[in-house]
Amino acid sequence: MTPLSIPDLYALPAAVDLQTAARALNMGRTLAYELAKSGDFPCTVIRYGDAYRVPTADILRLLNIPLPTEKPSEPVEPP
């Protein structure tokens, strides 16, 4: 499994499945599921039924990659 590059990480959606999170951390699938089940995965893990999701922002923080910033919106003038 090839780890994700920084541009790949920035292209991820807000939350990813556990296998994608494991790939970003260069971790095997089995270890990722073991850590998630024991509550020891290094990022927040959200469980939906049998599925696990990991917030991409947590992955970026763990890897010390700056979060993308939004440009402040310009004030809208009333009509």
PDB file of N, CA and C in Angstrom:
ATOM      1  N   MET A   1       0.843  -1.176   0.000  1.00  0.00           N
ATOM      2  CA  MET A   1       0.000   0.000   0.000  1.00  0.00           C
ATOM      3  C   MET A   1       0.886   1.236   0.000  1.00  0.00           C
ATOM      4  N   THR A   2       0.619   2.145  -0.919  1.00  0.00           N
ATOM      5  CA  THR A   2       1.393   3.381  -1.035  1.00  0.00           C
ATOM      6  C   THR A   2       0.804   4.436  -0.103  1.00  0.00           C
ATOM      7  N   PRO A   3       1.638   5.054   0.755  1.00  0.00           N
ATOM      8  CA  PRO A   3       1.112   6.113   1.621  1.00  0.00           C
ATOM      9  C   PRO A   3       0.630   7.306   0.787  1.00  0.00           C
ATOM     10  N   LEU A   4      -0.234   8.104   1.381  1.00  0.00           N
ATOM     11  CA  LEU A   4      -0.763   9.281   0.700  1.00  0.00           C
ATOM     12  C   LEU A   4       0.242  10.429   0.754  1.00  0.00           C
ATOM     13  N   SER A   5       0.305  11.199  -0.311  1.00  0.00           N
ATOM     14  CA  SER A   5       1.162  12.386  -0.340  1.00  0.00           C
ATOM     15  C   SER A   5       0.397  13.560   0.271  1.00  0.00           C
ATOM     16  N   ILE A   6       1.078  14.664   0.518  1.00  0.00           N
ATOM     17  CA  ILE A   6       0.418  15.842   1.083  1.00  0.00           C
ATOM     18  C   ILE A   6      -0.681  16.349   0.147  1.00  0.00           C
ATOM     19  N   PRO A   7      -0.453  16.461  -1.157  1.00  0.00           N
ATOM     20  CA  PRO A   7      -1.576  16.870  -2.028  1.00  0.00           C
ATOM     21  C   PRO A   7      -2.746  15.885  -1.963  1.00  0.00           C
ATOM     22  N   ASP A   8      -2.450  14.579  -1.857  1.00  0.00           N
ATOM     23  CA  ASP A   8      -3.517  13.584  -1.709  1.00  0.00           C
ATOM     24  C   ASP A   8      -4.308  13.843  -0.428  1.00  0.00           C
ATOM     25  N   LEU A   9      -3.607  14.144   0.660  1.00  0.00           N
ATOM     26  CA  LEU A   9      -4.275  14.392   1.941  1.00  0.00           C
ATOM     27  C   LEU A   9      -5.188  15.609   1.860  1.00  0.00           C
ATOM     28  N   TYR A  10      -4.714  16.669   1.204  1.00  0.00           N
ATOM     29  CA  TYR A  10      -5.533  17.871   1.069  1.00  0.00           C
ATOM     30  C   TYR A  10      -6.769  17.624   0.202  1.00  0.00           C
ATOM     31  N   ALA A  11      -6.727  16.633  -0.667  1.00  0.00           N
ATOM     32  CA  ALA A  11      -7.863  16.347  -1.546  1.00  0.00           C
ATOM     33  C   ALA A  11      -8.916  15.454  -0.887  1.00  0.00           C
ATOM     34  N   LEU A  12      -8.646  14.957   0.312  1.00  0.00           N
ATOM     35  CA  LEU A  12      -9.594  14.057   0.980  1.00  0.00           C
ATOM     36  C   LEU A  12     -10.838  14.807   1.438  1.00  0.00           C
ATOM     37  N   PRO A  13     -11.967  14.085   1.554  1.00  0.00           N
ATOM     38  CA  PRO A  13     -13.173  14.704   2.103  1.00  0.00           C
ATOM     39  C   PRO A  13     -13.014  14.960   3.606  1.00  0.00           C
ATOM     40  N   ALA A  14     -14.000  15.551   4.221  1.00  0.00           N
ATOM     41  CA  ALA A  14     -13.928  15.931   5.638  1.00  0.00           C
ATOM     42  C   ALA A  14     -13.672  14.735   6.558  1.00  0.00           C
ATOM     43  N   ALA A  15     -14.208  13.580   6.223  1.00  0.00           N
ATOM     44  CA  ALA A  15     -13.968  12.363   7.006  1.00  0.00           C
ATOM     45  C   ALA A  15     -13.732  11.212   6.037  1.00  0.00           C
ATOM     46  N   VAL A  16     -12.852  10.311   6.435  1.00  0.00           N
ATOM     47  CA  VAL A  16     -12.492   9.181   5.569  1.00  0.00           C
ATOM     48  C   VAL A  16     -12.697   7.870   6.312  1.00  0.00           C
ATOM     49  N   ASP A  17     -12.751   6.771   5.546  1.00  0.00           N
ATOM     50  CA  ASP A  17     -12.875   5.463   6.186  1.00  0.00           C
ATOM     51  C   ASP A  17     -11.555   5.104   6.871  1.00  0.00           C
ATOM     52  N   LEU A  18     -11.615   4.100   7.711  1.00  0.00           N
ATOM     53  CA  LEU A  18     -10.448   3.733   8.511  1.00  0.00           C
ATOM     54  C   LEU A  18      -9.279   3.272   7.644  1.00  0.00           C
ATOM     55  N   GLN A  19      -9.566   2.598   6.546  1.00  0.00           N
ATOM     56  CA  GLN A  19      -8.482   2.133   5.678  1.00  0.00           C
ATOM     57  C   GLN A  19      -7.736   3.314   5.043  1.00  0.00           C
ATOM     58  N   THR A  20      -8.453   4.352   4.657  1.00  0.00           N
ATOM     59  CA  THR A  20      -7.802   5.532   4.089  1.00  0.00           C
ATOM     60  C   THR A  20      -6.963   6.231   5.150  1.00  0.00           C
ATOM     61  N   ALA A  21      -7.512   6.340   6.368  1.00  0.00           N
ATOM     62  CA  ALA A  21      -6.754   6.946   7.469  1.00  0.00           C
ATOM     63  C   ALA A  21      -5.487   6.143   7.736  1.00  0.00           C
ATOM     64  N   ALA A  22      -5.603   4.825   7.734  1.00  0.00           N
ATOM     65  CA  ALA A  22      -4.434   3.972   7.951  1.00  0.00           C
ATOM     66  C   ALA A  22      -3.404   4.181   6.852  1.00  0.00           C
ATOM     67  N   ARG A  23      -3.877   4.312   5.634  1.00  0.00           N
ATOM     68  CA  ARG A  23      -2.960   4.543   4.502  1.00  0.00           C
ATOM     69  C   ARG A  23      -2.230   5.872   4.669  1.00  0.00           C
ATOM     70  N   ALA A  24      -2.949   6.899   5.123  1.00  0.00           N
ATOM     71  CA  ALA A  24      -2.328   8.209   5.342  1.00  0.00           C
ATOM     72  C   ALA A  24      -1.240   8.126   6.397  1.00  0.00           C
ATOM     73  N   LEU A  25      -1.426   7.228   7.369  1.00  0.00           N
ATOM     74  CA  LEU A  25      -0.457   7.076   8.454  1.00  0.00           C
ATOM     75  C   LEU A  25       0.557   5.974   8.182  1.00  0.00           C
ATOM     76  N   ASN A  26       0.505   5.396   6.975  1.00  0.00           N
ATOM     77  CA  ASN A  26       1.401   4.306   6.595  1.00  0.00           C
ATOM     78  C   ASN A  26       1.286   3.143   7.581  1.00  0.00           C
ATOM     79  N   MET A  27       0.037   2.795   7.879  1.00  0.00           N
ATOM     80  CA  MET A  27      -0.280   1.753   8.849  1.00  0.00           C
ATOM     81  C   MET A  27      -1.079   0.669   8.137  1.00  0.00           C
ATOM     82  N   GLY A  28      -0.897  -0.546   8.520  1.00  0.00           N
ATOM     83  CA  GLY A  28      -1.643  -1.644   7.923  1.00  0.00           C
ATOM     84  C   GLY A  28      -3.096  -1.668   8.367  1.00  0.00           C
ATOM     85  N   ARG A  29      -3.927  -2.304   7.546  1.00  0.00           N
ATOM     86  CA  ARG A  29      -5.362  -2.388   7.808  1.00  0.00           C
ATOM     87  C   ARG A  29      -5.664  -3.099   9.127  1.00  0.00           C
ATOM     88  N   THR A  30      -5.023  -4.234   9.356  1.00  0.00           N
ATOM     89  CA  THR A  30      -5.288  -5.015  10.555  1.00  0.00           C
ATOM     90  C   THR A  30      -4.948  -4.226  11.814  1.00  0.00           C
ATOM     91  N   LEU A  31      -3.795  -3.586  11.825  1.00  0.00           N
ATOM     92  CA  LEU A  31      -3.395  -2.782  12.980  1.00  0.00           C
ATOM     93  C   LEU A  31      -4.378  -1.633  13.191  1.00  0.00           C
ATOM     94  N   ALA A  32      -4.798  -0.991  12.110  1.00  0.00           N
ATOM     95  CA  ALA A  32      -5.737   0.127  12.225  1.00  0.00           C
ATOM     96  C   ALA A  32      -7.036  -0.321  12.887  1.00  0.00           C
ATOM     97  N   TYR A  33      -7.585  -1.446  12.467  1.00  0.00           N
ATOM     98  CA  TYR A  33      -8.829  -1.937  13.069  1.00  0.00           C
ATOM     99  C   TYR A  33      -8.625  -2.366  14.513  1.00  0.00           C
ATOM    100  N   GLU A  34      -7.486  -2.974  14.815  1.00  0.00           N
ATOM    101  CA  GLU A  34      -7.203  -3.354  16.205  1.00  0.00           C
ATOM    102  C   GLU A  34      -7.143  -2.113  17.099  1.00  0.00           C
ATOM    103  N   LEU A  35      -6.441  -1.079  16.631  1.00  0.00           N
ATOM    104  CA  LEU A  35      -6.322   0.150  17.412  1.00  0.00           C
ATOM    105  C   LEU A  35      -7.671   0.864  17.550  1.00  0.00           C
ATOM    106  N   ALA A  36      -8.466   0.874  16.488  1.00  0.00           N
ATOM    107  CA  ALA A  36      -9.782   1.516  16.548  1.00  0.00           C
ATOM    108  C   ALA A  36     -10.691   0.787  17.531  1.00  0.00           C
ATOM    109  N   LYS A  37     -10.694  -0.540  17.472  1.00  0.00           N
ATOM    110  CA  LYS A  37     -11.550  -1.321  18.374  1.00  0.00           C
ATOM    111  C   LYS A  37     -11.146  -1.165  19.832  1.00  0.00           C
ATOM    112  N   SER A  38      -9.854  -1.002  20.089  1.00  0.00           N
ATOM    113  CA  SER A  38      -9.382  -0.863  21.471  1.00  0.00           C
ATOM    114  C   SER A  38      -9.414   0.587  21.952  1.00  0.00           C
ATOM    115  N   GLY A  39      -9.748   1.524  21.047  1.00  0.00           N
ATOM    116  CA  GLY A  39      -9.779   2.938  21.416  1.00  0.00           C
ATOM    117  C   GLY A  39      -8.411   3.592  21.408  1.00  0.00           C
ATOM    118  N   ASP A  40      -7.426   2.956  20.780  1.00  0.00           N
ATOM    119  CA  ASP A  40      -6.057   3.464  20.774  1.00  0.00           C
ATOM    120  C   ASP A  40      -5.604   4.035  19.429  1.00  0.00           C
ATOM    121  N   PHE A  41      -6.528   4.197  18.477  1.00  0.00           N
ATOM    122  CA  PHE A  41      -6.140   4.785  17.193  1.00  0.00           C
ATOM    123  C   PHE A  41      -5.668   6.208  17.463  1.00  0.00           C
ATOM    124  N   PRO A  42      -4.603   6.669  16.814  1.00  0.00           N
ATOM    125  CA  PRO A  42      -4.016   7.970  17.165  1.00  0.00           C
ATOM    126  C   PRO A  42      -4.840   9.198  16.774  1.00  0.00           C
ATOM    127  N   CYS A  43      -5.981   9.003  16.118  1.00  0.00           N
ATOM    128  CA  CYS A  43      -6.880  10.103  15.754  1.00  0.00           C
ATOM    129  C   CYS A  43      -8.278   9.782  16.283  1.00  0.00           C
ATOM    130  N   THR A  44      -9.127  10.781  16.259  1.00  0.00           N
ATOM    131  CA  THR A  44     -10.527  10.557  16.609  1.00  0.00           C
ATOM    132  C   THR A  44     -11.124   9.559  15.625  1.00  0.00           C
ATOM    133  N   VAL A  45     -11.854   8.582  16.142  1.00  0.00           N
ATOM    134  CA  VAL A  45     -12.538   7.609  15.297  1.00  0.00           C
ATOM    135  C   VAL A  45     -14.027   7.710  15.616  1.00  0.00           C
ATOM    136  N   ILE A  46     -14.820   7.923  14.583  1.00  0.00           N
ATOM    137  CA  ILE A  46     -16.267   8.016  14.728  1.00  0.00           C
ATOM    138  C   ILE A  46     -16.854   6.719  14.191  1.00  0.00           C
ATOM    139  N   ARG A  47     -17.709   6.098  14.991  1.00  0.00           N
ATOM    140  CA  ARG A  47     -18.278   4.824  14.568  1.00  0.00           C
ATOM    141  C   ARG A  47     -19.728   5.012  14.154  1.00  0.00           C
ATOM    142  N   TYR A  48     -20.062   4.521  12.972  1.00  0.00           N
ATOM    143  CA  TYR A  48     -21.432   4.508  12.457  1.00  0.00           C
ATOM    144  C   TYR A  48     -21.797   3.052  12.218  1.00  0.00           C
ATOM    145  N   GLY A  49     -22.500   2.439  13.155  1.00  0.00           N
ATOM    146  CA  GLY A  49     -22.822   1.014  13.021  1.00  0.00           C
ATOM    147  C   GLY A  49     -21.526   0.215  12.969  1.00  0.00           C
ATOM    148  N   ASP A  50     -21.294  -0.480  11.871  1.00  0.00           N
ATOM    149  CA  ASP A  50     -20.069  -1.274  11.709  1.00  0.00           C
ATOM    150  C   ASP A  50     -18.950  -0.492  11.034  1.00  0.00           C
ATOM    151  N   ALA A  51     -19.227   0.735  10.604  1.00  0.00           N
ATOM    152  CA  ALA A  51     -18.244   1.526   9.861  1.00  0.00           C
ATOM    153  C   ALA A  51     -17.515   2.499  10.784  1.00  0.00           C
ATOM    154  N   TYR A  52     -16.263   2.742  10.463  1.00  0.00           N
ATOM    155  CA  TYR A  52     -15.450   3.725  11.183  1.00  0.00           C
ATOM    156  C   TYR A  52     -15.142   4.875  10.239  1.00  0.00           C
ATOM    157  N   ARG A  53     -15.161   6.101  10.756  1.00  0.00           N
ATOM    158  CA  ARG A  53     -14.765   7.276   9.992  1.00  0.00           C
ATOM    159  C   ARG A  53     -13.777   8.070  10.827  1.00  0.00           C
ATOM    160  N   VAL A  54     -12.814   8.684  10.160  1.00  0.00           N
ATOM    161  CA  VAL A  54     -11.784   9.484  10.822  1.00  0.00           C
ATOM    162  C   VAL A  54     -11.791  10.875  10.198  1.00  0.00           C
ATOM    163  N   PRO A  55     -11.915  11.934  11.016  1.00  0.00           N
ATOM    164  CA  PRO A  55     -11.869  13.288  10.463  1.00  0.00           C
ATOM    165  C   PRO A  55     -10.503  13.573   9.833  1.00  0.00           C
ATOM    166  N   THR A  56     -10.531  14.073   8.618  1.00  0.00           N
ATOM    167  CA  THR A  56      -9.290  14.381   7.906  1.00  0.00           C
ATOM    168  C   THR A  56      -8.467  15.422   8.648  1.00  0.00           C
ATOM    169  N   ALA A  57      -9.125  16.386   9.275  1.00  0.00           N
ATOM    170  CA  ALA A  57      -8.397  17.416  10.027  1.00  0.00           C
ATOM    171  C   ALA A  57      -7.553  16.787  11.137  1.00  0.00           C
ATOM    172  N   ASP A  58      -8.064  15.729  11.776  1.00  0.00           N
ATOM    173  CA  ASP A  58      -7.283  15.051  12.822  1.00  0.00           C
ATOM    174  C   ASP A  58      -6.037  14.388  12.247  1.00  0.00           C
ATOM    175  N   ILE A  59      -6.183  13.805  11.054  1.00  0.00           N
ATOM    176  CA  ILE A  59      -5.027  13.174  10.404  1.00  0.00           C
ATOM    177  C   ILE A  59      -3.970  14.234  10.094  1.00  0.00           C
ATOM    178  N   LEU A  60      -4.411  15.360   9.532  1.00  0.00           N
ATOM    179  CA  LEU A  60      -3.470  16.430   9.197  1.00  0.00           C
ATOM    180  C   LEU A  60      -2.761  16.956  10.447  1.00  0.00           C
ATOM    181  N   ARG A  61      -3.517  17.149  11.537  1.00  0.00           N
ATOM    182  CA  ARG A  61      -2.901  17.634  12.786  1.00  0.00           C
ATOM    183  C   ARG A  61      -1.863  16.637  13.310  1.00  0.00           C
ATOM    184  N   LEU A  62      -2.216  15.355  13.291  1.00  0.00           N
ATOM    185  CA  LEU A  62      -1.299  14.323  13.778  1.00  0.00           C
ATOM    186  C   LEU A  62       0.005  14.322  12.986  1.00  0.00           C
ATOM    187  N   LEU A  63      -0.094  14.540  11.687  1.00  0.00           N
ATOM    188  CA  LEU A  63       1.087  14.547  10.822  1.00  0.00           C
ATOM    189  C   LEU A  63       1.767  15.911  10.775  1.00  0.00           C
ATOM    190  N   ASN A  64       1.245  16.852  11.560  1.00  0.00           N
ATOM    191  CA  ASN A  64       1.796  18.206  11.637  1.00  0.00           C
ATOM    192  C   ASN A  64       1.792  18.892  10.266  1.00  0.00           C
ATOM    193  N   ILE A  65       0.698  18.662   9.534  1.00  0.00           N
ATOM    194  CA  ILE A  65       0.498  19.301   8.241  1.00  0.00           C
ATOM    195  C   ILE A  65      -0.515  20.423   8.460  1.00  0.00           C
ATOM    196  N   PRO A  66      -0.201  21.640   8.043  1.00  0.00           N
ATOM    197  CA  PRO A  66      -1.133  22.750   8.274  1.00  0.00           C
ATOM    198  C   PRO A  66      -2.498  22.488   7.639  1.00  0.00           C
ATOM    199  N   LEU A  67      -3.534  22.855   8.377  1.00  0.00           N
ATOM    200  CA  LEU A  67      -4.878  22.735   7.830  1.00  0.00           C
ATOM    201  C   LEU A  67      -5.067  23.793   6.756  1.00  0.00           C
ATOM    202  N   PRO A  68      -5.773  23.451   5.692  1.00  0.00           N
ATOM    203  CA  PRO A  68      -6.048  24.472   4.685  1.00  0.00           C
ATOM    204  C   PRO A  68      -6.909  25.564   5.324  1.00  0.00           C
ATOM    205  N   THR A  69      -6.661  26.782   4.958  1.00  0.00           N
ATOM    206  CA  THR A  69      -7.433  27.876   5.541  1.00  0.00           C
ATOM    207  C   THR A  69      -8.391  28.433   4.506  1.00  0.00           C
ATOM    208  N   GLU A  70      -9.494  28.904   5.011  1.00  0.00           N
ATOM    209  CA  GLU A  70     -10.458  29.531   4.135  1.00  0.00           C
ATOM    210  C   GLU A  70     -10.173  31.019   4.107  1.00  0.00           C
ATOM    211  N   LYS A  71     -10.376  31.614   2.953  1.00  0.00           N
ATOM    212  CA  LYS A  71     -10.238  33.057   2.866  1.00  0.00           C
ATOM    213  C   LYS A  71     -11.452  33.676   3.544  1.00  0.00           C
ATOM    214  N   PRO A  72     -11.236  34.735   4.318  1.00  0.00           N
ATOM    215  CA  PRO A  72     -12.401  35.356   4.947  1.00  0.00           C
ATOM    216  C   PRO A  72     -13.348  35.897   3.870  1.00  0.00           C
ATOM    217  N   SER A  73     -14.609  35.678   4.103  1.00  0.00           N
ATOM    218  CA  SER A  73     -15.568  36.168   3.111  1.00  0.00           C
ATOM    219  C   SER A  73     -15.693  37.684   3.223  1.00  0.00           C
ATOM    220  N   GLU A  74     -15.928  38.299   2.078  1.00  0.00           N
ATOM    221  CA  GLU A  74     -16.080  39.737   2.053  1.00  0.00           C
ATOM    222  C   GLU A  74     -17.489  40.089   2.536  1.00  0.00           C
ATOM    223  N   PRO A  75     -17.614  41.188   3.267  1.00  0.00           N
ATOM    224  CA  PRO A  75     -18.957  41.557   3.728  1.00  0.00           C
ATOM    225  C   PRO A  75     -19.886  41.825   2.545  1.00  0.00           C
ATOM    226  N   VAL A  76     -21.092  41.393   2.688  1.00  0.00           N
ATOM    227  CA  VAL A  76     -22.081  41.602   1.647  1.00  0.00           C
ATOM    228  C   VAL A  76     -22.831  42.881   1.947  1.00  0.00           C
ATOM    229  N   GLU A  77     -22.854  43.761   0.969  1.00  0.00           N
ATOM    230  CA  GLU A  77     -23.561  45.021   1.122  1.00  0.00           C
ATOM    231  C   GLU A  77     -25.054  44.779   0.938  1.00  0.00           C
ATOM    232  N   PRO A  78     -25.877  45.325   1.829  1.00  0.00           N
ATOM    233  CA  PRO A  78     -27.321  45.160   1.632  1.00  0.00           C
ATOM    234  C   PRO A  78     -27.774  45.878   0.360  1.00  0.00           C
ATOM    235  N   PRO A  79     -28.794  45.341  -0.313  1.00  0.00           N
ATOM    236  CA  PRO A  79     -29.260  45.975  -1.579  1.00  0.00           C
ATOM    237  C   PRO A  79     -29.868  47.339  -1.357  1.00  0.00           C
TER     238      PRO A  79
END
